[in-house]
Structures are given as structure tokens and as C-alpha cells.
Protein backbone atom coordinates (compact mmCIF):
# COMPACT_ATOMS: atom_id res chain seq x y z
CA MET A 1 -162.79 -3.53 39.56
CA PRO A 2 -159.63 -0.97 38.00
CA THR A 3 -159.24 0.95 35.06
CA VAL A 4 -156.95 -0.62 32.31
CA LEU A 5 -155.14 0.72 29.45
CA GLY A 6 -154.29 -1.84 26.71
CA PHE A 7 -152.21 -2.03 23.48
CA GLU A 8 -152.61 -4.56 21.00
CA GLY A 9 -150.49 -4.67 17.96
CA SER A 10 -148.98 -8.31 18.03
CA ALA A 11 -150.16 -8.26 14.12
CA ASN A 12 -151.35 -6.16 11.48
CA LYS A 13 -154.47 -4.82 13.18
CA VAL A 14 -153.15 -1.84 15.90
CA GLY A 15 -155.47 -0.50 18.74
CA VAL A 16 -155.64 0.77 21.91
CA GLY A 17 -158.68 0.19 24.55
CA VAL A 18 -159.83 1.13 27.77
CA VAL A 19 -161.47 -0.86 30.01
CA ARG A 20 -163.67 -0.67 33.81
CA ASP A 21 -165.50 -2.98 35.78
CA GLY A 22 -165.62 -5.34 32.55
CA VAL A 23 -167.29 -2.63 30.85
CA VAL A 24 -165.54 -1.57 27.54
CA LEU A 25 -165.07 2.19 27.19
CA ALA A 26 -163.02 2.37 24.12
CA ASN A 27 -161.55 0.36 21.84
CA PRO A 28 -160.22 2.56 19.09
CA ARG A 29 -157.56 0.51 15.87
CA ARG A 30 -155.88 0.30 13.01
CA THR A 31 -155.90 -2.23 10.40
CA TYR A 32 -152.66 -2.25 8.01
CA ILE A 33 -153.93 -3.03 4.47
CA THR A 34 -151.49 -4.10 1.83
CA PRO A 35 -152.55 -4.51 -1.92
CA PRO A 36 -154.59 -8.01 -3.01
CA GLY A 37 -152.24 -10.49 -3.48
CA THR A 38 -149.47 -8.99 -1.25
CA GLY A 39 -149.30 -10.10 2.97
CA PHE A 40 -147.60 -7.78 4.79
CA LEU A 41 -144.16 -7.77 6.18
CA PRO A 42 -143.00 -7.34 10.00
CA SER A 43 -140.80 -4.08 9.48
CA ASP A 44 -143.74 -2.09 7.73
CA THR A 45 -146.37 -3.47 9.71
CA ALA A 46 -144.38 -1.86 12.88
CA ARG A 47 -144.13 1.31 10.68
CA HIS A 48 -147.32 1.68 10.51
CA HIS A 49 -148.41 0.84 13.82
CA ARG A 50 -145.62 3.83 15.21
CA ALA A 51 -147.01 6.18 13.10
CA VAL A 52 -150.50 5.09 14.24
CA ILE A 53 -150.46 4.66 17.66
CA LEU A 54 -150.25 7.94 19.63
CA ASP A 55 -153.75 8.93 17.89
CA LEU A 56 -155.53 5.98 19.11
CA LEU A 57 -153.89 6.67 23.08
CA GLN A 58 -155.69 10.32 22.62
CA GLU A 59 -159.07 8.38 21.02
CA ALA A 60 -159.29 5.67 23.76
CA LEU A 61 -158.55 8.02 25.89
CA THR A 62 -161.38 10.78 24.24
CA GLU A 63 -163.74 8.04 23.63
CA SER A 64 -163.76 7.15 27.67
CA GLY A 65 -163.96 10.79 29.21
CA LEU A 66 -161.03 9.91 31.27
CA THR A 67 -157.70 11.46 31.66
CA TYR A 68 -154.81 9.72 32.52
CA GLN A 69 -155.47 10.40 36.34
CA ASP A 70 -158.19 7.23 36.21
CA ILE A 71 -155.96 4.63 34.46
CA ASP A 72 -155.24 2.08 36.79
CA CYS A 73 -153.34 -0.15 35.45
CA ILE A 74 -150.75 -0.21 31.57
CA ALA A 75 -151.98 -3.46 30.00
CA TYR A 76 -149.85 -4.61 26.87
CA THR A 77 -149.58 -7.91 24.15
CA LYS A 78 -146.37 -9.10 24.76
CA GLY A 79 -147.06 -12.54 22.65
CA PRO A 80 -147.07 -14.97 20.40
CA GLY A 81 -146.89 -12.30 17.30
CA MET A 82 -145.27 -10.64 15.46
CA GLY A 83 -142.43 -10.06 16.48
CA ALA A 84 -141.15 -6.25 15.30
CA PRO A 85 -145.21 -4.90 15.66
CA LEU A 86 -145.01 -5.85 19.85
CA VAL A 87 -142.06 -4.81 20.51
CA SER A 88 -143.09 -1.33 18.65
CA VAL A 89 -146.26 -1.65 20.50
CA ALA A 90 -144.55 -2.62 24.09
CA ILE A 91 -142.32 -0.12 23.85
CA VAL A 92 -144.78 2.70 23.61
CA ALA A 93 -146.90 1.13 26.69
CA ARG A 94 -143.64 0.75 28.84
CA THR A 95 -142.98 4.61 28.37
CA VAL A 96 -146.23 5.47 29.03
CA ALA A 97 -146.48 2.97 32.08
CA GLN A 98 -143.69 5.45 32.82
CA LEU A 99 -144.40 8.87 32.14
CA TRP A 100 -147.79 8.47 34.05
CA ASP A 101 -146.38 5.92 36.85
CA LYS A 102 -148.86 2.62 36.36
CA PRO A 103 -148.10 -0.65 36.61
CA LEU A 104 -147.52 -2.92 33.35
CA VAL A 105 -149.13 -5.92 32.70
CA GLY A 106 -147.78 -8.29 30.06
CA VAL A 107 -150.79 -10.18 28.38
CA ASN A 108 -150.40 -13.51 27.06
CA HIS A 109 -152.64 -12.76 23.32
CA CYS A 110 -154.45 -16.29 22.84
CA ILE A 111 -155.41 -15.52 27.03
CA GLY A 112 -156.61 -12.16 25.85
CA HIS A 113 -158.40 -13.84 23.39
CA ILE A 114 -160.16 -16.47 25.72
CA GLU A 115 -160.85 -14.27 28.59
CA MET A 116 -163.05 -11.81 25.47
CA GLY A 117 -164.93 -14.17 25.29
CA ARG A 118 -165.64 -14.79 28.96
CA LEU A 119 -165.73 -11.46 29.79
CA ILE A 120 -168.97 -10.96 26.43
CA THR A 121 -170.50 -14.27 27.04
CA GLY A 122 -170.27 -14.82 30.32
CA ALA A 123 -168.78 -18.79 30.19
CA THR A 124 -167.27 -19.59 33.07
CA SER A 125 -165.37 -22.62 32.15
CA PRO A 126 -165.60 -22.43 28.30
CA THR A 127 -163.82 -25.39 26.17
CA VAL A 128 -162.80 -22.63 23.28
CA LEU A 129 -161.99 -23.15 20.00
CA TYR A 130 -159.70 -20.43 18.93
CA VAL A 131 -158.90 -19.48 15.84
CA SER A 132 -156.01 -17.06 14.81
CA GLY A 133 -154.01 -15.65 11.87
CA GLY A 134 -151.22 -17.66 13.49
CA ASN A 135 -153.27 -19.77 15.57
CA THR A 136 -156.07 -22.71 16.03
CA GLN A 137 -156.27 -24.76 19.16
CA VAL A 138 -159.09 -26.68 21.43
CA ILE A 139 -158.19 -24.79 24.54
CA ALA A 140 -159.82 -25.65 28.23
CA TYR A 141 -159.18 -24.69 31.75
CA SER A 142 -157.90 -26.99 33.93
CA LYS A 143 -155.32 -27.15 37.30
CA ARG A 144 -155.00 -23.54 37.33
CA ARG A 145 -153.75 -23.52 33.67
CA TYR A 146 -155.09 -22.96 30.19
CA ARG A 147 -154.32 -26.17 28.18
CA ILE A 148 -154.03 -27.16 24.62
CA PHE A 149 -156.55 -30.53 24.01
CA GLY A 150 -156.16 -30.07 19.90
CA GLU A 151 -154.66 -28.28 17.73
CA THR A 152 -153.13 -27.57 13.98
CA ILE A 153 -149.99 -29.71 13.35
CA ASP A 154 -149.17 -26.76 11.00
CA ILE A 155 -150.37 -23.99 10.15
CA ALA A 156 -153.00 -21.68 11.56
CA VAL A 157 -156.71 -21.73 9.90
CA GLY A 158 -156.06 -17.50 9.35
CA ASN A 159 -152.77 -18.32 8.01
CA CYS A 160 -154.32 -20.54 5.46
CA LEU A 161 -157.51 -18.04 4.29
CA ASP A 162 -154.64 -15.01 3.91
CA ARG A 163 -152.59 -17.14 1.53
CA PHE A 164 -155.60 -18.20 -0.01
CA ALA A 165 -156.61 -14.71 -1.36
CA ARG A 166 -153.02 -14.09 -1.90
CA VAL A 167 -153.70 -16.84 -4.66
CA LEU A 168 -156.76 -15.40 -6.00
CA LYS A 169 -156.16 -11.70 -5.38
CA ILE A 170 -158.65 -10.84 -3.21
CA SER A 171 -158.46 -7.64 -1.63
CA ASN A 172 -157.18 -7.32 1.70
CA ASP A 173 -159.70 -4.64 2.56
CA PRO A 174 -161.23 -4.96 5.39
CA SER A 175 -159.83 -8.00 6.19
CA PRO A 176 -158.83 -11.20 3.89
CA GLY A 177 -161.25 -13.63 5.22
CA TYR A 178 -164.45 -11.08 5.19
CA ASN A 179 -163.52 -10.60 1.21
CA ILE A 180 -163.80 -14.57 1.16
CA GLU A 181 -166.95 -15.22 3.52
CA GLN A 182 -168.42 -12.44 1.43
CA MET A 183 -167.38 -14.35 -2.10
CA ALA A 184 -168.19 -17.37 -1.30
CA LYS A 185 -172.13 -16.73 -0.57
CA ARG A 186 -172.16 -16.41 -4.75
CA GLY A 187 -170.05 -19.85 -5.11
CA LYS A 188 -172.20 -22.53 -6.56
CA LYS A 189 -169.82 -25.40 -7.09
CA LEU A 190 -168.17 -27.57 -4.58
CA VAL A 191 -164.52 -28.47 -5.23
CA GLU A 192 -163.16 -30.98 -3.86
CA LEU A 193 -160.39 -29.80 -0.87
CA PRO A 194 -157.87 -32.16 0.84
CA TYR A 195 -157.86 -31.45 4.85
CA THR A 196 -157.09 -34.25 7.37
CA VAL A 197 -158.12 -34.74 11.15
CA LYS A 198 -155.84 -36.59 13.08
CA GLY A 199 -157.09 -37.28 16.25
CA MET A 200 -158.40 -33.50 17.82
CA ASP A 201 -155.44 -31.99 15.98
CA VAL A 202 -156.05 -31.21 12.22
CA SER A 203 -153.92 -30.43 8.79
CA PHE A 204 -154.35 -27.09 6.33
CA SER A 205 -151.02 -27.11 4.38
CA GLY A 206 -152.93 -29.54 1.95
CA ILE A 207 -156.06 -26.98 1.58
CA LEU A 208 -153.29 -24.83 0.51
CA SER A 209 -150.67 -25.91 -1.21
CA PHE A 210 -153.60 -27.65 -3.80
CA ILE A 211 -154.79 -24.63 -4.42
CA GLU A 212 -151.39 -22.72 -5.24
CA ASP A 213 -150.99 -25.76 -7.27
CA VAL A 214 -154.52 -26.09 -9.36
CA ALA A 215 -156.30 -22.52 -8.83
CA LYS A 216 -154.63 -20.80 -11.83
CA ARG A 217 -155.54 -23.90 -13.95
CA MET A 218 -159.03 -24.12 -12.82
CA LEU A 219 -159.36 -20.80 -13.53
CA VAL A 220 -158.44 -20.15 -16.76
CA SER A 221 -160.54 -23.46 -18.15
CA GLY A 222 -163.69 -22.57 -16.78
CA GLU A 223 -163.61 -25.60 -14.57
CA CYS A 224 -164.80 -23.50 -11.15
CA THR A 225 -164.92 -19.64 -10.71
CA PRO A 226 -163.12 -17.65 -7.65
CA GLU A 227 -166.37 -17.75 -5.40
CA ASP A 228 -166.43 -21.49 -6.21
CA LEU A 229 -162.77 -21.55 -4.64
CA CYS A 230 -164.23 -19.84 -1.70
CA PHE A 231 -167.23 -21.39 -1.20
CA SER A 232 -165.44 -24.90 -1.41
CA LEU A 233 -162.37 -23.53 0.81
CA GLN A 234 -165.41 -22.28 3.66
CA VAL A 235 -167.67 -25.51 3.29
CA VAL A 236 -163.88 -27.76 4.74
CA GLU A 237 -162.89 -25.50 7.15
């Protein structure tokens, strides 16, 4: 199998990985973290990625113990994702491929997640629950294509978590989802949150709208704590 150096920067995380024969030799990465209660803008995220990506490239080569002569192929995330960060990372990947005279392969972000899971688990034909900041889908491989059997009809579960964290001013370091999970462990009261399931499809916008509407009132009145809301969100989702 070839030795592949890959660039990923579709959202607020950017990384450079090296894989040979299905073994990850290096995987350094950085995360663009914003203050609690805020999200990350595409332009600011792209600026962050541009500032660190060459350091990550050098770290990946050093960690793997390889030089550019050992690399057979350059891969990069071509989408879906945030436009500005994707473009910034793609330009670096294309430049490196030209300088090193290596073939360049664009990778679908979603399929990359699935194939990574297959590599780690050894699964041959899995049915996948794919959840991320921008996607929530039930996917399986059929007739030489990945096919979607169910998905969110509005916002992704990751987007719901991120915006939920902003409402409660939960830290983005290391990530909103991780901090929500830790707070949920201390929750004691279940607050009923509205959610919708339609066949294989789901909806998360009702949960978010409810939290945005009542969170401040419920917290001020003492009806619940932020930990209770995090606990309730995890139970429902």
C-alpha cells in the first residue's frame, strides 16, 4: 500500500496525517478555539489554519520519521465543510503536491470519516451513524456507492451541540460537545425537550429553539441548572 500524507481543515480543526499500509504514522493537529458564547467565523478559522499548517506538516514528517521522498501521494479534504478553511488547506496541499511531484487526491469529508472507522474497527460492510458538526446521517454501502438511509431534516446534532453551548456560555476548549458531556454527568433533573423522529429522519431544531427561548428564565428562577440542561440534552439526543 502507498504512503499517503493527508491534509484536513474542513472546520475549526486542522491536521496533517501520514498513513502507510493502514497504519497511522503521524497525526498532529490544532484547534481554533473561540471564547465561550461565540462560534468560529470562516475567515478567522482560515487565518488560524494558514498560520499553523506548515508547522503541522513538519511535525507530521518528523513524527513519522519520513521525508518527502517517502510519500507516494498527497490527499486533502475537498468538502463538505467551511469554504474558507477548505480553500486554505487545499491550496497548501496542491502546492506541496506540485513541489514534491506527487499525485493529488481530493477526499470527500464524510467518506473519510466512514473509511477511518472501517480501518480502525475492521468492519467490512457497516451501517454507519455518521454525526459531526455539519452532518447527521445513517449511511450504508450499496451497489458501489455510499447511500443515505436517514438524516437530519434541519440542523446536524453537532451544530445543535455547538449552539446549545453558546446559549449556556459553555467553554469551547477543548470542544463544546466534550464540555457538555462532562457537565451532564453532574446533572440530576431531566427537563423535557422537544424532538422529532420521522421514520429514519430526525430533527434537532426544536431542541435548540426551546433552549434559546427558556434557558435564561429557567436558570434565573432556579428551575434547573446548566448541568441539568446538559444532562437532558444528552438523554434526548
